Amino acid sequence: NVLIGMGAIILDNAVIEENCLIAAGALILENMVCESGGIYAGVPAKKVKSVPPEFLEEKFKSLAQNYIKYSGWFKEEE
């Protein structure tokens, strides 16, 4: 249950815990731990905000549904 934004780079041995958001273009350094409920952004990435993990879990569910909807736009007709 994580969201890793487009163009984000995650280096070796980094740990991304559940219900964590990595912003687009962020650079997660080697051995960095991104904590549950954290929003990480920047180069190098830093925790910019903490939110309840349940909040991100709900957001991720709604975002996943959007991706399913968008995929239908490009699916070939049978």
Protein backbone atom coordinates (compact mmCIF):
# COMPACT_ATOMS: atom_id res chain seq x y z
CA ASN A 1 0.00 0.00 0.00
CA VAL A 2 2.36 2.71 -1.21
CA LEU A 3 2.33 5.28 -3.96
CA ILE A 4 5.60 5.99 -5.73
CA GLY A 5 5.33 8.99 -8.02
CA MET A 6 6.57 9.02 -11.59
CA GLY A 7 10.29 9.55 -11.97
CA ALA A 8 11.06 8.82 -8.32
CA ILE A 9 14.39 7.07 -7.74
CA ILE A 10 14.79 4.60 -4.90
CA LEU A 11 18.36 3.52 -4.17
CA ASP A 12 19.61 0.21 -2.75
CA ASN A 13 18.45 -1.06 0.63
CA ALA A 14 15.87 1.69 1.10
CA VAL A 15 12.79 0.65 3.06
CA ILE A 16 9.37 1.99 2.11
CA GLU A 17 6.87 1.10 4.84
CA GLU A 18 3.15 0.59 4.23
CA ASN A 19 0.86 3.56 3.59
CA CYS A 20 3.67 5.85 2.49
CA LEU A 21 3.72 8.34 -0.38
CA ILE A 22 6.86 9.09 -2.40
CA ALA A 23 6.43 12.24 -4.51
CA ALA A 24 7.17 12.37 -8.23
CA GLY A 25 10.87 13.00 -8.86
CA ALA A 26 11.91 12.24 -5.27
CA LEU A 27 15.30 10.66 -4.59
CA ILE A 28 15.22 8.09 -1.79
CA LEU A 29 18.80 7.54 -0.65
CA GLU A 30 20.53 4.24 0.20
CA ASN A 31 19.41 2.70 3.50
CA MET A 32 16.76 5.38 4.02
CA VAL A 33 13.60 4.32 5.88
CA CYS A 34 10.36 5.97 4.78
CA GLU A 35 7.94 5.59 7.67
CA SER A 36 4.28 4.61 7.44
CA GLY A 37 2.06 7.67 7.13
CA GLY A 38 4.88 9.78 5.72
CA ILE A 39 4.90 11.90 2.60
CA TYR A 40 8.42 12.19 1.16
CA ALA A 41 9.58 14.67 -1.48
CA GLY A 42 12.72 16.35 -2.74
CA VAL A 43 16.25 15.60 -3.91
CA PRO A 44 17.33 14.08 -1.65
CA ALA A 45 13.91 13.20 -0.25
CA LYS A 46 12.84 14.30 3.19
CA LYS A 47 9.66 13.70 5.12
CA VAL A 48 7.54 16.75 4.37
CA LYS A 49 4.39 15.71 6.19
CA SER A 50 2.96 13.03 8.45
CA VAL A 51 -0.63 11.94 8.10
CA PRO A 52 -2.53 9.07 9.70
CA PRO A 53 -1.67 5.90 7.73
CA GLU A 54 -5.41 5.21 7.41
CA PHE A 55 -5.80 8.47 5.47
CA LEU A 56 -3.26 7.38 2.85
CA GLU A 57 -4.73 3.87 2.71
CA GLU A 58 -8.11 5.33 1.72
CA LYS A 59 -6.54 7.70 -0.81
CA PHE A 60 -4.60 4.85 -2.43
CA LYS A 61 -7.78 2.81 -2.82
CA SER A 62 -9.52 5.65 -4.66
CA LEU A 63 -6.45 6.29 -6.84
CA ALA A 64 -6.28 2.60 -7.77
CA GLN A 65 -9.89 2.77 -8.95
CA ASN A 66 -9.01 5.75 -11.14
CA TYR A 67 -6.22 3.77 -12.84
CA ILE A 68 -8.66 0.96 -13.59
CA LYS A 69 -11.04 3.49 -15.11
CA TYR A 70 -8.29 5.13 -17.18
CA SER A 71 -7.09 1.77 -18.51
CA GLY A 72 -10.53 1.27 -20.03
CA TRP A 73 -9.96 4.33 -22.20
CA PHE A 74 -7.07 2.60 -23.96
CA LYS A 75 -8.24 -0.99 -23.97
CA GLU A 76 -8.75 -2.39 -27.45
CA GLU A 77 -12.25 -3.44 -28.37
CA GLU A 78 -12.67 -7.17 -28.87
